[in-house]
Amino acid sequence: MTIYDSVNDIKEMLFGEKGTGFDEVRSAIRKEIEAEKVSMPPQYMMMKITNYCNSDCVYCNHAKSRIQNEVKQEISLERLQSIIGEAIQMGVKAISISGGEPLVRKDVETIVRQIADSNVVPVLLTNGCLLKERAESLYESGLRYFIISLDSLDAEDYLAQRGVDIGPVLEGIETVRGLMQKDETVKLHITPVITAKNIGQMPEMVRYYSKKGVSLQFSPYHRFVFNMRDELAEFDAREVDTVMDQLLQMKKEGYLIANSITFLRHFKAFMCENKILPDGYRCLAGYSTVYVDTYENVLPCWSGGFGPVDNLQNHTLSDIWYGEKYMELRKKMEKCQCAGCWLLCTGELTVLINGEE
């Protein structure tokens, strides 16, 4: 068995398509919840390797035009390799490389190679702007799983929402598709953030990329400041009903939509009723995924709703993961004692752990 035999299991774990590869993990997590004690290592680590970005998305605090809002930081390669090495030693099965935009760093290939050479699956989360020039070298370093953000196929709408030219992104996607054609182990997912401005374009994007053999997985736009007008969150309820019903039907018909049905069904309430979480929801992401940022903070979830568990300058990743504080935060996550989110890395993972469709 090679690391690339595990890629589909990683996809299932992240984006909600059920499979036997996750059954043992699901069973172990259920036992851990009952025992209120974690014995299994993290299955997946999301590692933010830089806060810098070359895109200017209107909804992101890493946007290059809002540099003053966040300390821009890049963890050193030596320190990054040490943290990744510990995660690998613990038994993590996959590590995603994200940012900011990870490809603004020149050493991503070195990081990918360390992960792949350790029989762990490397995953790249990128805006795609620099991918045309880097895809081949990343592939040669061992990368087989690309996740690319793309909110629209319309150049003007893409520019309005993400602040940069769409051309290099589309070229990067086609470069990865070229790799897919010569090596079937290469996987590509496109992740649109659905806003009030682009929701009507989603069915056509699914048709377009399904023909190219590329799956889409959707994430709803999260409105974080409720007392200010936010045009991206001003959804038309009738349009949301129409589009989401259409996407659900397209998934049933076999179009390449990687989201689970359960995850997609909640979009209407999320977008139009400000209902962040479904009734009876228990977030279980803290039992399988660990998040590390560029300040070496270890977090139980990427939304930041609970803040850091601890910092790797103070304790090892293993001590933090198996420690009492992390366990207490997992319990709070289960009870959704936070502002809530409906993100792929938490919502879809919880749907999969619960065994929902």
Protein backbone atom coordinates (compact mmCIF):
# COMPACT_ATOMS: atom_id res chain seq x y z
CA MET A 1 0.00 0.00 0.00
CA THR A 2 1.32 3.46 -0.89
CA ILE A 3 0.37 6.80 0.64
CA TYR A 4 -1.68 7.56 -2.45
CA ASP A 5 -4.01 4.66 -1.74
CA SER A 6 -5.14 6.73 1.25
CA VAL A 7 -6.08 9.86 -0.71
CA ASN A 8 -9.73 8.89 -1.10
CA ASP A 9 -9.98 8.19 2.62
CA ILE A 10 -8.64 11.68 3.33
CA LYS A 11 -11.18 13.12 0.91
CA GLU A 12 -13.96 11.22 2.67
CA MET A 13 -12.77 12.38 6.05
CA LEU A 14 -12.70 16.03 4.98
CA PHE A 15 -15.64 16.32 2.65
CA GLY A 16 -18.22 13.88 3.86
CA GLU A 17 -18.35 11.04 1.36
CA LYS A 18 -18.74 7.88 3.43
CA GLY A 19 -16.45 4.93 3.07
CA THR A 20 -15.11 1.90 4.89
CA GLY A 21 -11.71 3.55 5.27
CA PHE A 22 -13.10 5.72 8.06
CA ASP A 23 -15.04 3.05 9.96
CA GLU A 24 -12.27 2.28 12.45
CA VAL A 25 -11.68 5.97 13.15
CA ARG A 26 -15.41 6.54 13.63
CA SER A 27 -15.65 3.66 16.11
CA ALA A 28 -12.59 4.84 18.05
CA ILE A 29 -13.92 8.40 18.31
CA ARG A 30 -17.26 7.20 19.65
CA LYS A 31 -15.44 5.25 22.37
CA GLU A 32 -13.33 8.30 23.21
CA ILE A 33 -16.41 10.48 23.56
CA GLU A 34 -17.96 7.98 25.94
CA ALA A 35 -14.77 7.59 27.97
CA GLU A 36 -13.99 11.34 27.89
CA LYS A 37 -10.39 10.41 27.11
CA VAL A 38 -8.46 10.51 23.84
CA SER A 39 -6.12 7.63 23.02
CA MET A 40 -5.99 7.91 19.21
CA PRO A 41 -3.54 10.36 17.61
CA PRO A 42 -4.84 13.13 15.37
CA GLN A 43 -5.76 11.72 11.97
CA TYR A 44 -5.27 14.99 10.15
CA MET A 45 -3.21 18.11 10.81
CA MET A 46 -3.93 21.47 9.22
CA MET A 47 -0.70 23.50 9.22
CA LYS A 48 -0.72 27.20 8.40
CA ILE A 49 2.79 27.85 7.13
CA THR A 50 2.41 31.58 6.41
CA ASN A 51 0.04 34.50 6.98
CA TYR A 52 1.12 36.23 3.77
CA CYS A 53 -1.18 36.13 0.76
CA ASN A 54 -1.03 37.33 -2.85
CA SER A 55 -4.82 37.44 -3.16
CA ASP A 56 -7.20 40.07 -1.82
CA CYS A 57 -10.41 38.27 -0.92
CA VAL A 58 -13.05 40.59 0.49
CA TYR A 59 -13.95 38.10 3.23
CA CYS A 60 -10.48 37.10 4.50
CA ASN A 61 -8.25 38.63 7.16
CA HIS A 62 -5.19 37.45 5.24
CA ALA A 63 -6.06 39.71 2.27
CA LYS A 64 -3.05 41.68 1.10
CA SER A 65 -4.88 45.02 1.34
CA ARG A 66 -5.58 44.44 5.05
CA ILE A 67 -2.02 43.70 6.06
CA GLN A 68 -2.30 46.14 8.97
CA ASN A 69 -5.03 44.03 10.56
CA GLU A 70 -2.80 41.05 11.28
CA VAL A 71 0.82 40.45 12.11
CA LYS A 72 2.22 38.87 8.98
CA GLN A 73 4.32 35.92 10.01
CA GLU A 74 6.04 32.98 8.43
CA ILE A 75 7.26 30.07 10.50
CA SER A 76 10.85 29.04 9.74
CA LEU A 77 11.44 25.94 7.65
CA GLU A 78 13.52 24.33 10.40
CA ARG A 79 10.80 24.85 13.01
CA LEU A 80 8.08 23.78 10.60
CA GLN A 81 9.87 20.54 9.81
CA SER A 82 10.28 19.86 13.53
CA ILE A 83 6.54 20.30 14.18
CA ILE A 84 5.58 18.19 11.17
CA GLY A 85 8.09 15.55 12.26
CA GLU A 86 6.44 15.27 15.66
CA ALA A 87 2.96 14.98 14.11
CA ILE A 88 4.23 12.20 11.85
CA GLN A 89 5.80 10.42 14.80
CA MET A 90 2.46 10.62 16.64
CA GLY A 91 0.75 8.79 13.77
CA VAL A 92 -1.04 11.51 11.77
CA LYS A 93 -2.27 10.21 8.39
CA ALA A 94 -2.42 13.45 6.41
CA ILE A 95 -1.10 17.00 6.71
CA SER A 96 -2.52 19.97 4.85
CA ILE A 97 -0.36 22.95 3.97
CA SER A 98 -2.26 26.24 4.02
CA GLY A 99 -1.92 29.95 4.73
CA GLY A 100 -2.35 32.79 3.82
CA GLU A 101 -1.23 31.48 0.50
CA PRO A 102 1.32 28.70 1.03
CA LEU A 103 2.90 29.05 -2.41
CA VAL A 104 4.26 32.50 -1.60
CA ARG A 105 6.94 30.44 0.16
CA LYS A 106 9.72 28.99 -1.98
CA ASP A 107 10.23 25.92 0.21
CA VAL A 108 6.82 24.20 -0.06
CA GLU A 109 8.35 21.40 -2.12
CA THR A 110 10.75 20.63 0.73
CA ILE A 111 7.82 20.44 3.16
CA VAL A 112 5.82 18.22 0.82
CA ARG A 113 8.76 15.90 0.36
CA GLN A 114 9.21 15.48 4.12
CA ILE A 115 5.55 14.52 4.50
CA ALA A 116 5.41 12.19 1.50
CA ASP A 117 8.70 10.48 2.34
CA SER A 118 7.25 9.68 5.78
CA ASN A 119 4.36 7.73 4.23
CA VAL A 120 1.87 10.48 5.17
CA VAL A 121 -0.46 12.19 2.67
CA PRO A 122 0.42 15.83 1.90
CA VAL A 123 -2.51 18.08 0.95
CA LEU A 124 -2.15 21.57 -0.54
CA LEU A 125 -4.78 24.29 0.01
CA THR A 126 -4.07 27.11 -2.44
CA ASN A 127 -5.70 30.01 -4.29
CA GLY A 128 -4.02 28.71 -7.43
CA CYS A 129 -2.41 31.98 -8.52
CA LEU A 130 1.11 30.51 -8.53
CA LEU A 131 0.19 26.93 -9.29
CA LYS A 132 1.01 26.88 -13.00
CA GLU A 133 4.69 27.44 -12.24
CA ARG A 134 4.83 25.13 -9.22
CA ALA A 135 2.50 22.20 -9.94
CA GLU A 136 5.11 20.01 -11.62
CA SER A 137 7.76 20.51 -8.93
CA LEU A 138 5.16 19.89 -6.21
CA TYR A 139 4.10 16.70 -7.97
CA GLU A 140 7.72 15.55 -8.25
CA SER A 141 8.10 16.22 -4.52
CA GLY A 142 5.22 13.83 -3.76
CA LEU A 143 2.07 15.98 -3.81
CA ARG A 144 -0.98 14.26 -5.23
CA TYR A 145 -3.85 16.14 -3.59
CA PHE A 146 -4.59 19.72 -4.65
CA ILE A 147 -7.43 21.83 -3.21
CA ILE A 148 -7.95 25.12 -5.08
CA SER A 149 -10.22 28.00 -4.10
CA LEU A 150 -12.34 29.31 -6.97
CA ASP A 151 -15.49 31.36 -6.37
CA SER A 152 -16.55 32.06 -9.96
CA LEU A 153 -15.73 31.37 -13.59
CA ASP A 154 -16.65 34.95 -14.51
CA ALA A 155 -13.55 37.14 -14.60
CA GLU A 156 -15.31 40.28 -13.31
CA ASP A 157 -17.09 38.48 -10.49
CA TYR A 158 -13.91 36.68 -9.49
CA LEU A 159 -12.01 39.98 -9.42
CA ALA A 160 -14.74 41.61 -7.34
CA GLN A 161 -14.76 38.85 -4.74
CA ARG A 162 -11.10 37.81 -4.65
CA GLY A 163 -9.32 40.97 -5.80
CA VAL A 164 -6.99 39.42 -8.41
CA ASP A 165 -7.05 38.25 -12.02
CA ILE A 166 -8.65 34.86 -12.62
CA GLY A 167 -6.38 33.97 -15.55
CA PRO A 168 -3.43 32.47 -13.65
CA VAL A 169 -5.82 30.50 -11.43
CA LEU A 170 -7.54 28.83 -14.38
CA GLU A 171 -4.15 28.09 -15.91
CA GLY A 172 -3.07 26.51 -12.64
CA ILE A 173 -6.17 24.32 -12.57
CA GLU A 174 -5.52 23.14 -16.12
CA THR A 175 -1.91 22.37 -15.23
CA VAL A 176 -3.07 20.11 -12.40
CA ARG A 177 -5.60 18.51 -14.75
CA GLY A 178 -2.69 17.70 -17.00
CA LEU A 179 -1.06 15.87 -14.11
CA MET A 180 -4.34 14.02 -13.49
CA GLN A 181 -4.39 12.80 -17.07
CA LYS A 182 -0.96 11.24 -16.80
CA ASP A 183 -1.32 9.96 -13.22
CA GLU A 184 -4.67 8.80 -11.86
CA THR A 185 -3.46 9.13 -8.26
CA VAL A 186 -3.54 12.94 -8.61
CA LYS A 187 -6.70 14.40 -7.07
CA LEU A 188 -8.10 17.91 -7.49
CA HIS A 189 -10.95 19.58 -5.63
CA ILE A 190 -12.25 23.09 -6.25
CA THR A 191 -13.76 24.91 -3.27
CA PRO A 192 -16.08 27.85 -3.98
CA VAL A 193 -17.20 30.05 -1.10
CA ILE A 194 -20.89 30.66 -1.82
CA THR A 195 -21.99 34.27 -1.35
CA ALA A 196 -25.09 36.24 -2.31
CA LYS A 197 -23.13 37.45 -5.35
CA ASN A 198 -22.13 34.10 -6.85
CA ILE A 199 -24.68 31.53 -5.66
CA GLY A 200 -26.54 31.54 -8.98
CA GLN A 201 -23.36 30.46 -10.80
CA MET A 202 -22.78 27.29 -8.80
CA PRO A 203 -24.83 24.79 -10.87
CA GLU A 204 -23.03 25.83 -14.05
CA MET A 205 -19.65 25.51 -12.31
CA VAL A 206 -20.59 21.97 -11.31
CA ARG A 207 -21.55 21.10 -14.90
CA TYR A 208 -18.36 22.66 -16.28
CA TYR A 209 -15.96 20.90 -13.95
CA SER A 210 -17.83 17.60 -13.82
CA LYS A 211 -17.16 17.31 -17.55
CA LYS A 212 -13.47 17.82 -16.74
CA GLY A 213 -13.50 15.16 -14.01
CA VAL A 214 -13.04 17.66 -11.19
CA SER A 215 -15.14 17.68 -8.00
CA LEU A 216 -16.47 20.79 -6.28
CA GLN A 217 -17.11 21.16 -2.57
CA PHE A 218 -18.97 24.22 -1.34
CA SER A 219 -18.58 26.27 1.79
CA PRO A 220 -21.09 29.01 2.73
CA TYR A 221 -19.89 32.55 3.30
CA HIS A 222 -19.66 33.30 7.02
CA ARG A 223 -20.83 36.69 8.16
CA PHE A 224 -18.77 37.68 11.18
CA VAL A 225 -19.98 41.24 11.84
CA PHE A 226 -23.77 41.15 12.18
CA ASN A 227 -24.36 44.83 12.99
CA MET A 228 -22.95 46.06 9.69
CA ARG A 229 -24.32 45.72 6.19
CA ASP A 230 -22.70 42.86 4.32
CA GLU A 231 -23.75 42.49 0.69
CA LEU A 232 -22.14 39.05 0.43
CA ALA A 233 -24.59 37.79 3.06
CA GLU A 234 -27.75 39.37 1.64
CA PHE A 235 -29.11 36.17 0.16
CA ASP A 236 -32.43 36.01 -1.66
CA ALA A 237 -34.37 33.16 -0.04
CA ARG A 238 -36.05 32.08 -3.28
CA GLU A 239 -32.73 31.96 -5.12
CA VAL A 240 -31.15 29.96 -2.30
CA ASP A 241 -34.06 27.48 -2.38
CA THR A 242 -33.77 27.07 -6.13
CA VAL A 243 -29.99 26.72 -6.28
CA MET A 244 -29.57 24.42 -3.29
CA ASP A 245 -32.39 22.14 -4.45
CA GLN A 246 -30.69 22.02 -7.83
CA LEU A 247 -27.29 21.19 -6.34
CA LEU A 248 -28.77 18.44 -4.19
CA GLN A 249 -30.48 16.95 -7.22
CA MET A 250 -27.29 17.21 -9.28
CA LYS A 251 -25.38 15.32 -6.59
CA LYS A 252 -27.98 12.54 -6.65
CA GLU A 253 -27.63 12.41 -10.45
CA GLY A 254 -23.89 11.82 -10.19
CA TYR A 255 -22.41 15.25 -10.82
CA LEU A 256 -19.08 15.69 -9.06
CA ILE A 257 -20.12 17.40 -5.83
CA ALA A 258 -17.96 16.24 -2.92
CA ASN A 259 -20.13 17.67 -0.14
CA SER A 260 -22.38 15.38 1.85
CA ILE A 261 -26.13 15.76 1.43
CA THR A 262 -26.47 16.54 5.14
CA PHE A 263 -23.98 19.41 4.88
CA LEU A 264 -25.67 20.92 1.81
CA ARG A 265 -29.17 20.68 3.28
CA HIS A 266 -28.27 23.10 6.07
CA PHE A 267 -27.21 25.88 3.67
CA LYS A 268 -30.73 27.31 3.40
CA ALA A 269 -31.13 27.81 7.15
CA PHE A 270 -27.56 29.06 7.44
CA MET A 271 -27.84 31.62 4.66
CA CYS A 272 -31.39 32.88 5.10
CA GLU A 273 -32.31 32.33 8.76
CA ASN A 274 -28.98 33.09 10.48
CA LYS A 275 -29.20 29.57 11.89
CA ILE A 276 -25.52 28.76 12.22
CA LEU A 277 -25.88 25.12 13.28
CA PRO A 278 -28.54 22.44 12.76
CA ASP A 279 -30.76 21.41 15.65
CA GLY A 280 -29.12 18.83 17.88
CA TYR A 281 -25.68 19.34 16.31
CA ARG A 282 -22.59 18.21 18.24
CA CYS A 283 -19.23 19.26 16.78
CA LEU A 284 -16.81 16.33 16.87
CA ALA A 285 -13.94 17.74 14.82
CA GLY A 286 -11.70 18.08 17.87
CA TYR A 287 -11.34 14.31 18.12
CA SER A 288 -9.64 13.77 14.77
CA THR A 289 -8.05 17.01 13.59
CA VAL A 290 -5.42 19.33 15.05
CA TYR A 291 -4.76 22.86 13.82
CA VAL A 292 -1.43 24.70 14.11
CA ASP A 293 -0.94 28.34 13.08
CA THR A 294 2.16 30.34 12.21
CA TYR A 295 2.57 31.49 15.81
CA GLU A 296 2.81 27.80 16.81
CA ASN A 297 -0.55 27.96 18.53
CA VAL A 298 -2.38 24.62 18.70
CA LEU A 299 -6.12 25.07 18.20
CA PRO A 300 -9.06 22.66 18.48
CA CYS A 301 -10.71 24.17 15.39
CA TRP A 302 -9.84 26.52 12.57
CA SER A 303 -12.63 29.01 13.28
CA GLY A 304 -10.79 30.24 16.36
CA GLY A 305 -13.96 30.10 18.40
CA PHE A 306 -12.15 28.74 21.45
CA GLY A 307 -8.74 30.27 20.97
CA PRO A 308 -5.51 28.27 21.34
CA VAL A 309 -5.26 25.21 23.55
CA ASP A 310 -1.57 25.90 24.08
CA ASN A 311 1.60 26.85 22.22
CA LEU A 312 4.30 24.54 20.90
CA GLN A 313 6.95 26.79 22.45
CA ASN A 314 5.60 25.64 25.82
CA HIS A 315 4.69 21.97 25.34
CA THR A 316 5.01 19.24 22.73
CA LEU A 317 2.21 18.54 20.28
CA SER A 318 1.67 15.15 21.90
CA ASP A 319 1.37 16.62 25.40
CA ILE A 320 -1.13 19.19 24.15
CA TRP A 321 -3.23 16.72 22.12
CA TYR A 322 -3.59 14.21 24.95
CA GLY A 323 -3.78 16.85 27.70
CA GLU A 324 -6.70 17.77 29.95
CA LYS A 325 -7.18 21.27 28.50
CA TYR A 326 -7.68 19.92 24.97
CA MET A 327 -10.18 17.38 26.33
CA GLU A 328 -12.13 20.11 28.10
CA LEU A 329 -12.31 22.11 24.87
CA ARG A 330 -13.50 19.02 22.97
CA LYS A 331 -16.40 18.79 25.43
CA LYS A 332 -17.23 22.46 24.84
CA MET A 333 -17.07 21.89 21.09
CA GLU A 334 -19.53 19.01 21.43
CA LYS A 335 -21.92 21.35 23.23
CA CYS A 336 -21.24 24.08 20.62
CA GLN A 337 -20.32 26.59 23.29
CA CYS A 338 -19.01 29.01 20.67
CA ALA A 339 -20.36 31.31 17.98
CA GLY A 340 -20.65 28.29 15.67
CA CYS A 341 -19.59 27.72 12.06
CA TRP A 342 -20.56 25.59 9.10
CA LEU A 343 -17.14 24.94 7.63
CA LEU A 344 -15.91 21.94 5.65
CA CYS A 345 -13.20 21.13 8.19
CA THR A 346 -15.67 20.89 11.09
CA GLY A 347 -19.18 20.38 9.70
CA GLU A 348 -18.34 17.79 7.05
CA LEU A 349 -16.04 15.93 9.39
CA THR A 350 -18.76 15.74 12.05
CA VAL A 351 -21.26 14.50 9.45
CA LEU A 352 -18.84 11.73 8.51
CA ILE A 353 -18.13 10.73 12.13
CA ASN A 354 -21.90 10.50 12.69
CA GLY A 355 -22.24 8.27 9.63
CA GLU A 356 -24.77 10.56 7.94
CA GLU A 357 -25.27 10.70 4.19
